Protein backbone atom coordinates (compact mmCIF):
# COMPACT_ATOMS: atom_id res chain seq x y z
CA MET A 1 0.00 0.00 0.00
CA LEU A 2 0.98 3.65 -0.24
CA VAL A 3 1.56 5.99 2.66
CA TYR A 4 2.41 9.66 2.31
CA HIS A 5 5.46 11.64 3.44
CA TYR A 6 5.91 15.40 3.03
CA THR A 7 9.40 16.78 2.53
CA HIS A 8 11.25 19.97 1.63
CA PHE A 9 12.65 20.60 -1.84
CA ASP A 10 16.08 20.94 -0.25
CA ASP A 11 15.96 17.25 0.70
CA LEU A 12 15.43 15.93 -2.82
CA ARG A 13 19.12 15.69 -3.65
CA ARG A 14 19.74 13.53 -0.58
CA ILE A 15 16.64 11.36 -0.98
CA PHE A 16 17.37 10.68 -4.65
CA ASP A 17 21.13 10.46 -4.08
CA MET A 18 22.17 13.06 -6.64
CA GLY A 19 25.46 13.39 -4.79
CA GLY A 20 26.34 9.73 -5.27
CA THR A 21 26.57 8.98 -1.55
CA SER A 22 24.72 5.63 -1.70
CA ARG A 23 22.41 6.91 1.03
CA SER A 24 19.32 7.37 -1.12
CA GLY A 25 15.79 6.84 0.11
CA LEU A 26 14.26 7.81 3.43
CA ARG A 27 16.26 7.22 6.57
CA ALA A 28 14.64 6.34 9.89
CA ARG A 29 16.57 8.99 11.75
CA ARG A 30 13.99 11.14 13.54
CA ARG A 31 13.52 10.10 17.16
CA MET A 32 10.06 9.57 18.54
CA GLY A 33 10.92 11.36 21.75
CA HIS A 34 13.61 12.78 23.99
CA TYR A 35 12.59 11.95 27.56
CA ASP A 36 11.18 8.43 27.49
CA LEU A 37 14.01 5.95 26.86
CA GLU A 38 12.14 3.72 24.40
CA ALA A 39 10.88 6.71 22.43
CA PHE A 40 14.39 8.19 22.38
CA GLN A 41 15.85 4.94 21.09
CA THR A 42 13.24 4.58 18.33
CA GLY A 43 14.05 6.31 15.05
CA ALA A 44 11.47 6.39 12.28
CA VAL A 45 10.25 7.73 8.96
CA PHE A 46 6.94 9.48 9.63
CA ALA A 47 4.04 9.36 7.19
CA LEU A 48 0.27 9.70 6.86
CA LEU A 49 -2.38 7.25 5.68
CA GLU A 50 -3.75 9.78 3.16
CA PRO A 51 -2.31 12.96 1.61
CA THR A 52 -4.82 15.11 3.55
CA PRO A 53 -6.25 12.76 6.19
CA LYS A 54 -9.67 13.64 7.56
CA ASP A 55 -8.53 12.62 11.05
CA TRP A 56 -6.09 15.53 10.95
CA VAL A 57 -7.85 18.10 8.77
CA GLY A 58 -11.09 18.14 10.76
CA ASN A 59 -9.83 16.96 14.13
CA GLN A 60 -12.12 18.02 16.98
CA ASP A 61 -9.79 17.09 19.82
CA PHE A 62 -6.96 19.36 18.71
CA PRO A 63 -8.29 22.40 16.80
CA GLY A 64 -5.95 23.65 14.11
CA ILE A 65 -3.64 20.63 14.24
CA TRP A 66 -3.54 20.27 10.44
CA GLN A 67 -2.38 23.86 10.08
CA PHE A 68 0.29 23.32 12.74
CA LEU A 69 1.48 20.20 10.95
CA LYS A 70 1.64 21.96 7.58
CA GLU A 71 3.85 24.64 9.10
CA ALA A 72 6.28 21.97 10.34
CA ILE A 73 6.63 19.91 7.16
CA GLY A 74 7.75 20.52 3.60
CA PRO A 75 5.23 21.09 0.79
CA LEU A 76 6.39 18.30 -1.53
CA LEU A 77 4.40 15.07 -1.23
CA LEU A 78 6.12 11.71 -1.69
CA GLU A 79 4.36 8.39 -2.07
CA VAL A 80 5.98 5.61 -0.08
CA ALA A 81 5.23 1.99 -0.94
CA VAL A 82 5.13 -0.17 2.17
CA ASP A 83 4.30 -3.81 2.78
CA VAL A 84 1.22 -3.84 5.01
CA HIS A 85 2.67 -6.81 6.88
CA SER A 86 6.16 -5.37 7.27
CA LYS A 87 7.70 -5.85 10.71
CA ASP A 88 8.88 -2.23 10.50
CA ALA A 89 5.56 -0.51 9.68
CA PHE A 90 3.34 0.71 12.50
CA VAL A 91 0.64 3.23 13.36
CA VAL A 92 0.85 5.37 16.49
CA ASP A 93 -1.51 7.95 17.95
CA ARG A 94 0.07 11.40 17.76
CA GLY A 95 -2.71 12.67 20.00
CA HIS A 96 -0.68 11.67 23.04
CA MET A 97 2.02 14.21 22.17
CA GLU A 98 -0.44 16.93 21.24
CA GLY A 99 -2.14 16.46 24.60
CA VAL A 100 0.93 18.03 26.20
CA PHE A 101 1.54 20.65 23.51
CA TYR A 102 -2.09 21.85 23.60
CA GLN A 103 -2.18 22.42 27.36
CA GLY A 104 -1.76 26.17 26.99
CA ILE A 105 -4.34 26.63 24.22
CA PRO A 106 -7.58 28.02 25.75
CA GLU A 107 -9.98 26.55 23.17
CA ALA A 108 -8.49 23.07 23.46
CA ARG A 109 -10.59 20.47 25.26
CA ILE A 110 -8.10 17.67 25.60
CA PRO A 111 -9.75 14.25 26.01
CA MET A 112 -8.70 12.38 29.12
CA PRO A 113 -6.65 9.68 27.33
CA TYR A 114 -4.38 12.45 26.03
CA ALA A 115 -4.25 14.70 29.09
CA HIS A 116 -0.68 13.85 30.06
CA ILE A 117 1.07 15.94 32.69
CA THR A 118 4.64 15.71 31.43
CA GLN A 119 6.26 15.24 28.05
CA GLU A 120 7.93 12.05 29.28
CA GLU A 121 4.52 10.61 30.15
CA ALA A 122 3.18 11.67 26.75
CA GLU A 123 6.12 10.10 24.91
CA ARG A 124 5.64 6.84 26.80
CA ALA A 125 1.95 6.69 25.85
CA TYR A 126 2.82 7.68 22.29
CA ILE A 127 5.35 4.88 21.80
CA HIS A 128 3.12 2.38 23.59
CA SER A 129 0.27 3.18 21.18
CA LYS A 130 2.37 1.57 18.44
CA ILE A 131 0.47 -1.15 16.59
CA PRO A 132 1.45 -3.04 13.41
CA LEU A 133 0.06 -1.35 10.31
CA ALA A 134 -1.92 -4.43 9.24
CA ASP A 135 -3.55 -4.68 12.68
CA TYR A 136 -4.45 -0.99 12.68
CA LEU A 137 -6.12 -1.22 9.28
CA GLN A 138 -8.26 -4.11 10.52
CA ARG A 139 -9.18 -2.45 13.84
CA ARG A 140 -9.25 1.21 12.86
CA GLY A 141 -12.84 1.88 13.94
CA GLU A 142 -12.38 0.06 17.21
CA LEU A 143 -9.15 1.85 18.15
CA SER A 144 -10.40 5.40 17.46
CA TYR A 145 -6.94 6.98 17.32
CA SER A 146 -7.35 10.74 17.29
CA LEU A 147 -4.28 11.45 15.12
CA PRO A 148 -3.11 8.26 13.42
CA GLU A 149 0.46 8.53 12.20
CA VAL A 150 2.45 5.91 10.29
CA ILE A 151 5.98 5.19 11.43
CA ILE A 152 8.49 3.08 9.53
CA THR A 153 11.35 2.07 11.80
CA ASP A 154 13.85 1.09 9.12
CA HIS A 155 15.39 2.71 6.05
CA VAL A 156 13.00 3.01 3.09
CA PRO A 157 14.89 2.22 -0.14
CA LEU A 158 14.66 4.60 -3.08
CA GLU A 159 12.72 2.15 -5.23
CA ASN A 160 9.83 2.51 -2.76
CA VAL A 161 9.72 6.31 -2.99
CA ARG A 162 8.32 8.53 -5.74
CA ILE A 163 7.04 12.07 -6.17
CA ALA A 164 3.25 12.05 -6.01
CA GLU A 165 1.24 13.30 -8.98
CA GLU A 166 -1.19 15.15 -6.74
CA GLN A 167 0.45 17.85 -4.63
CA PRO A 168 -2.09 19.39 -2.21
CA LEU A 169 0.34 21.74 -0.46
CA ILE A 170 2.38 23.15 -3.34
CA GLU A 171 -0.14 25.77 -4.41
CA GLU A 172 -0.63 26.81 -0.80
CA ARG A 173 3.12 27.41 -0.57
CA TRP A 174 3.68 28.48 -4.16
CA GLU A 175 6.55 30.85 -3.38
CA GLU A 176 8.68 27.97 -2.12
CA TYR A 177 8.08 26.04 -5.31
CA VAL A 178 9.04 29.04 -7.45
CA ASP A 179 12.28 29.50 -5.52
CA TYR A 180 13.29 25.87 -5.80
CA ARG A 181 12.13 25.60 -9.42
CA ARG A 182 14.69 28.25 -10.26
CA THR A 183 17.37 26.19 -8.50
CA PHE A 184 16.46 23.04 -10.42
CA LEU A 185 16.76 24.87 -13.74
CA ARG A 186 20.49 24.64 -13.08
CA THR A 187 20.51 20.94 -12.18
CA GLU A 188 19.70 17.70 -13.98
CA THR A 189 16.00 17.32 -13.22
CA GLY A 190 15.94 14.01 -15.08
CA ALA A 191 17.95 12.52 -12.23
CA ILE A 192 14.90 12.80 -9.96
CA PRO A 193 12.03 10.61 -11.20
CA GLY A 194 8.79 12.54 -11.37
CA LEU A 195 10.29 16.01 -11.07
CA ASP A 196 9.96 16.78 -14.80
CA ARG A 197 6.31 15.68 -14.62
CA LEU A 198 5.77 17.97 -11.63
CA HIS A 199 7.30 20.93 -13.47
CA ALA A 200 5.17 20.22 -16.55
CA LYS A 201 2.02 20.16 -14.42
CA TYR A 202 2.70 23.63 -13.03
CA ALA A 203 4.30 25.13 -16.17
CA GLN A 204 1.38 27.43 -17.04
CA LYS A 205 0.90 28.74 -13.51
CA LEU A 206 4.66 29.17 -13.23
CA GLN A 207 4.73 31.25 -16.42
CA GLU A 208 1.92 33.43 -15.08
CA THR A 209 3.69 34.15 -11.79
CA TRP A 210 7.28 34.03 -13.01
CA PRO A 211 7.58 36.12 -16.19
CA HIS A 212 11.33 36.63 -15.76
CA GLY A 213 12.64 34.07 -18.25
CA ALA A 214 15.39 31.58 -17.52
CA GLU A 215 17.02 33.60 -14.77
CA GLY A 216 13.85 33.86 -12.76
CA PRO A 217 13.28 36.07 -9.69
CA PRO A 218 16.03 36.66 -7.12
CA TYR A 219 16.69 33.45 -5.21
CA ARG A 220 16.01 33.56 -1.48
CA SER A 221 17.67 30.86 0.59
CA ARG A 222 15.58 29.40 3.36
CA ASP A 223 16.46 27.81 6.64
CA MET A 224 13.76 25.15 6.62
CA LYS A 225 13.23 22.40 9.11
CA GLY A 226 11.00 19.34 9.44
């Protein structure tokens, strides 16, 4: 099945190994926590079950969580092929972490299962919510995870990663695409499967907003995280 991972344009060269480092693909390097030992020792690739999952977009437990997530991730959507029965593919409930982060938000009405007092407690509940992907898909209605999040706890090889045809966040963050499109004019776009198709899709809109020819608008470097 496919799961969905958002990334920054800056990361494309590493993911698709344009530097010849033999480290292509997605690395399970982001820790699940910092205070709980098991969470700290668990690195993962994080993904979603759909490009714009309803559980996140219209979440009633944590108002505005989809907007917060969009601000923390890159705009470029990747499709990640994963074996449903893989021993490295799980679903966790991100709601446990947001229960701590939302404590100071007046309009938040944090449900009791997520009302953790400390971040260590939240991380422990978060990691302990881990369930194999296949099991989650079978029991989704029964489990009622507020913010289901896919984690893959091993390296995802490049052959399992591709640029998605549908890109729900690019037009929302069009300026970033314009900046990085200018950069890729000076690189070999054919080295990144799907990038030429992405550029072709947005060619008309790009021409309308970028009437500067080959040199394009002044490039603005960005210090982007996530």
